[in-house]
N, C-alpha and C. Protein backbone atom coordinates (compact mmCIF):
# COMPACT_ATOMS: atom_id res chain seq x y z
N MET A 1 154.23 166.77 -24.96
CA MET A 1 153.32 167.78 -24.43
C MET A 1 152.89 168.70 -25.57
N LEU A 2 151.64 169.08 -25.54
CA LEU A 2 151.11 169.97 -26.57
C LEU A 2 151.26 171.42 -26.17
N THR A 3 151.50 172.25 -27.17
CA THR A 3 151.45 173.69 -26.93
C THR A 3 149.99 174.12 -26.98
N LEU A 4 149.72 175.31 -26.54
CA LEU A 4 148.35 175.83 -26.59
C LEU A 4 147.87 175.91 -28.03
N PHE A 5 148.74 176.35 -28.93
CA PHE A 5 148.38 176.45 -30.35
C PHE A 5 148.01 175.08 -30.91
N GLU A 6 148.82 174.07 -30.61
CA GLU A 6 148.54 172.71 -31.09
C GLU A 6 147.21 172.20 -30.54
N ALA A 7 146.97 172.46 -29.28
CA ALA A 7 145.72 172.01 -28.66
C ALA A 7 144.51 172.68 -29.30
N VAL A 8 144.62 173.97 -29.60
CA VAL A 8 143.51 174.69 -30.23
C VAL A 8 143.26 174.15 -31.64
N VAL A 9 144.33 173.97 -32.40
CA VAL A 9 144.19 173.44 -33.77
C VAL A 9 143.57 172.05 -33.73
N LEU A 10 144.05 171.18 -32.85
CA LEU A 10 143.50 169.83 -32.75
C LEU A 10 142.05 169.84 -32.29
N GLY A 11 141.71 170.74 -31.40
CA GLY A 11 140.32 170.87 -30.96
C GLY A 11 139.40 171.27 -32.10
N ILE A 12 139.88 172.18 -32.94
CA ILE A 12 139.09 172.60 -34.10
C ILE A 12 138.93 171.45 -35.09
N VAL A 13 140.04 170.76 -35.38
CA VAL A 13 139.98 169.62 -36.30
C VAL A 13 139.03 168.55 -35.75
N GLN A 14 139.14 168.24 -34.48
CA GLN A 14 138.27 167.24 -33.85
C GLN A 14 136.82 167.69 -33.90
N GLY A 15 136.58 168.94 -33.58
CA GLY A 15 135.21 169.46 -33.56
C GLY A 15 134.53 169.40 -34.91
N ILE A 16 135.30 169.62 -35.96
CA ILE A 16 134.74 169.56 -37.31
C ILE A 16 134.63 168.11 -37.78
N ALA A 17 135.71 167.35 -37.63
CA ALA A 17 135.77 166.00 -38.19
C ALA A 17 134.87 165.01 -37.46
N GLU A 18 134.59 165.22 -36.19
CA GLU A 18 133.81 164.25 -35.42
C GLU A 18 132.42 164.05 -36.01
N TRP A 19 131.82 165.09 -36.54
CA TRP A 19 130.44 165.01 -37.01
C TRP A 19 130.35 164.72 -38.50
N LEU A 20 131.48 164.56 -39.16
CA LEU A 20 131.50 164.22 -40.59
C LEU A 20 131.74 162.72 -40.75
N PRO A 21 131.35 162.17 -41.89
CA PRO A 21 131.56 160.73 -42.09
C PRO A 21 133.01 160.40 -42.48
N ILE A 22 133.93 160.89 -41.68
CA ILE A 22 135.36 160.59 -41.85
C ILE A 22 135.91 160.23 -40.48
N SER A 23 137.10 159.68 -40.45
CA SER A 23 137.70 159.29 -39.18
C SER A 23 138.31 160.51 -38.50
N SER A 24 137.67 160.96 -37.44
CA SER A 24 138.21 162.12 -36.72
C SER A 24 139.52 161.75 -36.04
N GLU A 25 139.63 160.50 -35.58
CA GLU A 25 140.90 160.07 -34.96
C GLU A 25 142.01 160.08 -36.00
N GLY A 26 141.69 159.62 -37.20
CA GLY A 26 142.67 159.64 -38.28
C GLY A 26 143.08 161.06 -38.65
N MET A 27 142.10 161.95 -38.70
CA MET A 27 142.40 163.35 -39.04
C MET A 27 143.30 164.00 -37.99
N THR A 28 142.95 163.82 -36.72
CA THR A 28 143.77 164.44 -35.67
C THR A 28 145.16 163.82 -35.63
N SER A 29 145.24 162.52 -35.85
CA SER A 29 146.56 161.86 -35.87
C SER A 29 147.39 162.36 -37.03
N LEU A 30 146.78 162.50 -38.21
CA LEU A 30 147.51 163.02 -39.36
C LEU A 30 148.01 164.44 -39.13
N VAL A 31 147.18 165.28 -38.53
CA VAL A 31 147.60 166.65 -38.25
C VAL A 31 148.76 166.65 -37.27
N MET A 32 148.66 165.85 -36.22
CA MET A 32 149.75 165.81 -35.23
C MET A 32 151.05 165.30 -35.85
N ILE A 33 150.96 164.27 -36.68
CA ILE A 33 152.17 163.68 -37.26
C ILE A 33 152.75 164.57 -38.35
N ASN A 34 151.90 165.04 -39.27
CA ASN A 34 152.40 165.79 -40.43
C ASN A 34 152.69 167.25 -40.16
N PHE A 35 151.93 167.88 -39.28
CA PHE A 35 152.13 169.31 -39.05
C PHE A 35 152.90 169.63 -37.77
N PHE A 36 152.76 168.78 -36.77
CA PHE A 36 153.39 169.07 -35.49
C PHE A 36 154.54 168.13 -35.15
N GLY A 37 154.87 167.22 -36.05
CA GLY A 37 156.03 166.35 -35.87
C GLY A 37 155.93 165.35 -34.74
N LYS A 38 154.73 164.98 -34.36
CA LYS A 38 154.55 163.98 -33.30
C LYS A 38 154.68 162.58 -33.90
N SER A 39 155.05 161.63 -33.07
CA SER A 39 155.09 160.23 -33.52
C SER A 39 153.69 159.63 -33.35
N LEU A 40 153.47 158.49 -33.98
CA LEU A 40 152.17 157.83 -33.85
C LEU A 40 151.89 157.45 -32.41
N SER A 41 152.92 157.03 -31.68
CA SER A 41 152.72 156.65 -30.28
C SER A 41 152.37 157.86 -29.41
N GLU A 42 152.76 159.06 -29.84
CA GLU A 42 152.35 160.28 -29.13
C GLU A 42 150.96 160.73 -29.57
N ALA A 43 150.63 160.50 -30.84
CA ALA A 43 149.38 161.00 -31.40
C ALA A 43 148.16 160.22 -30.92
N LEU A 44 148.28 158.91 -30.78
CA LEU A 44 147.11 158.10 -30.43
C LEU A 44 146.52 158.42 -29.05
N PRO A 45 147.33 158.54 -28.00
CA PRO A 45 146.72 158.90 -26.70
C PRO A 45 146.04 160.27 -26.73
N ILE A 46 146.63 161.20 -27.46
CA ILE A 46 146.01 162.53 -27.56
C ILE A 46 144.68 162.42 -28.29
N SER A 47 144.63 161.61 -29.34
CA SER A 47 143.37 161.40 -30.06
C SER A 47 142.30 160.79 -29.16
N ILE A 48 142.71 159.87 -28.32
CA ILE A 48 141.75 159.26 -27.39
C ILE A 48 141.20 160.30 -26.43
N TRP A 49 142.06 161.16 -25.89
CA TRP A 49 141.60 162.22 -24.99
C TRP A 49 140.68 163.20 -25.72
N LEU A 50 140.97 163.46 -26.99
CA LEU A 50 140.09 164.32 -27.78
C LEU A 50 138.70 163.68 -27.92
N HIS A 51 138.65 162.37 -28.12
CA HIS A 51 137.37 161.67 -28.21
C HIS A 51 136.61 161.74 -26.89
N ILE A 52 137.31 161.59 -25.80
CA ILE A 52 136.67 161.69 -24.48
C ILE A 52 136.09 163.09 -24.29
N GLY A 53 136.84 164.10 -24.68
CA GLY A 53 136.36 165.48 -24.59
C GLY A 53 135.13 165.71 -25.46
N THR A 54 135.14 165.14 -26.66
CA THR A 54 133.98 165.26 -27.55
C THR A 54 132.76 164.59 -26.94
N MET A 55 132.96 163.40 -26.35
CA MET A 55 131.86 162.69 -25.72
C MET A 55 131.27 163.51 -24.57
N LEU A 56 132.14 164.07 -23.74
CA LEU A 56 131.66 164.87 -22.62
C LEU A 56 130.91 166.11 -23.10
N ALA A 57 131.43 166.75 -24.15
CA ALA A 57 130.75 167.93 -24.70
C ALA A 57 129.38 167.55 -25.26
N ALA A 58 129.29 166.42 -25.95
CA ALA A 58 128.00 165.97 -26.49
C ALA A 58 127.02 165.64 -25.37
N VAL A 59 127.50 165.00 -24.31
CA VAL A 59 126.63 164.67 -23.18
C VAL A 59 126.10 165.94 -22.51
N VAL A 60 126.97 166.92 -22.33
CA VAL A 60 126.54 168.19 -21.72
C VAL A 60 125.53 168.88 -22.63
N PHE A 61 125.81 168.92 -23.93
CA PHE A 61 124.92 169.60 -24.87
C PHE A 61 123.57 168.91 -24.95
N LEU A 62 123.57 167.59 -24.92
CA LEU A 62 122.33 166.81 -25.08
C LEU A 62 121.76 166.32 -23.75
N ARG A 63 122.19 166.90 -22.64
CA ARG A 63 121.83 166.39 -21.32
C ARG A 63 120.32 166.34 -21.10
N LYS A 64 119.57 167.33 -21.57
CA LYS A 64 118.12 167.32 -21.36
C LYS A 64 117.47 166.16 -22.11
N ASP A 65 117.90 165.94 -23.34
CA ASP A 65 117.37 164.82 -24.11
C ASP A 65 117.75 163.49 -23.47
N ILE A 66 118.97 163.38 -23.00
CA ILE A 66 119.42 162.15 -22.35
C ILE A 66 118.60 161.86 -21.10
N ILE A 67 118.32 162.90 -20.32
CA ILE A 67 117.52 162.73 -19.10
C ILE A 67 116.11 162.26 -19.45
N VAL A 68 115.50 162.84 -20.48
CA VAL A 68 114.16 162.42 -20.90
C VAL A 68 114.16 160.96 -21.32
N ILE A 69 115.16 160.57 -22.10
CA ILE A 69 115.25 159.18 -22.55
C ILE A 69 115.40 158.24 -21.36
N LEU A 70 116.30 158.57 -20.44
CA LEU A 70 116.52 157.71 -19.28
C LEU A 70 115.28 157.60 -18.41
N ARG A 71 114.56 158.70 -18.26
CA ARG A 71 113.34 158.67 -17.44
C ARG A 71 112.24 157.84 -18.09
N ASN A 72 112.24 157.75 -19.41
CA ASN A 72 111.18 157.02 -20.11
C ASN A 72 111.50 155.54 -20.32
N ILE A 73 112.67 155.09 -19.95
CA ILE A 73 113.02 153.68 -20.13
C ILE A 73 112.06 152.76 -19.36
N PRO A 74 111.76 153.01 -18.08
CA PRO A 74 110.83 152.11 -17.37
C PRO A 74 109.45 152.06 -18.05
N ARG A 75 108.96 153.20 -18.51
CA ARG A 75 107.66 153.24 -19.18
C ARG A 75 107.71 152.44 -20.49
N TYR A 76 108.79 152.55 -21.22
CA TYR A 76 108.96 151.80 -22.47
C TYR A 76 109.00 150.29 -22.19
N LEU A 77 109.77 149.90 -21.18
CA LEU A 77 109.87 148.48 -20.85
C LEU A 77 108.52 147.92 -20.40
N GLN A 78 107.78 148.71 -19.65
CA GLN A 78 106.46 148.28 -19.19
C GLN A 78 105.52 148.11 -20.38
N ARG A 79 105.55 149.03 -21.32
CA ARG A 79 104.70 148.95 -22.50
C ARG A 79 105.06 147.73 -23.35
N GLU A 80 106.36 147.47 -23.50
CA GLU A 80 106.81 146.30 -24.25
C GLU A 80 106.28 145.02 -23.61
N SER A 81 106.32 144.96 -22.29
CA SER A 81 105.83 143.78 -21.57
C SER A 81 104.34 143.59 -21.78
N VAL A 82 103.57 144.66 -21.71
CA VAL A 82 102.12 144.60 -21.91
C VAL A 82 101.81 144.17 -23.34
N GLU A 83 102.51 144.72 -24.31
CA GLU A 83 102.27 144.36 -25.72
C GLU A 83 102.62 142.91 -25.98
N LYS A 84 103.69 142.42 -25.36
CA LYS A 84 104.08 141.03 -25.55
C LYS A 84 103.03 140.09 -24.97
N LYS A 85 102.50 140.43 -23.79
CA LYS A 85 101.45 139.61 -23.18
C LYS A 85 100.20 139.61 -24.05
N ALA A 86 99.86 140.75 -24.63
CA ALA A 86 98.67 140.84 -25.48
C ALA A 86 98.85 140.01 -26.74
N ASN A 87 100.04 139.96 -27.28
CA ASN A 87 100.30 139.18 -28.49
C ASN A 87 100.34 137.69 -28.21
N ASP A 88 100.70 137.30 -26.99
CA ASP A 88 100.80 135.89 -26.63
C ASP A 88 99.42 135.25 -26.43
N THR A 89 98.42 136.07 -26.15
CA THR A 89 97.09 135.50 -25.88
C THR A 89 96.25 135.37 -27.11
C-alpha cells in the first residue's frame, strides 16, 4: 500500500516523465524500488494504474478535440469513398 507522500511523489514523476521521450513506467518503477523500498512485483501494478490515470487525465483534458475528431469520422470516410470512386474512373 502506498502512503499519501509516495502517491504524490509518484504522481509528480509520472506527470513529468509521461510527456518526455523516456520510459515513465521505468521512472516510476525505479523511484518505487530505489526510494520507497518496493519490490518489482509491487511496483509494476502501481505503474500500470499510474498509466491508466494519465490516460484518463489526457482524455478529460482533450475531450473537446476527441469529440470533434469522432464526429468527423463519418465525413472523412465518406470523402475517402468519393475520392476513391473518382480515381477509379
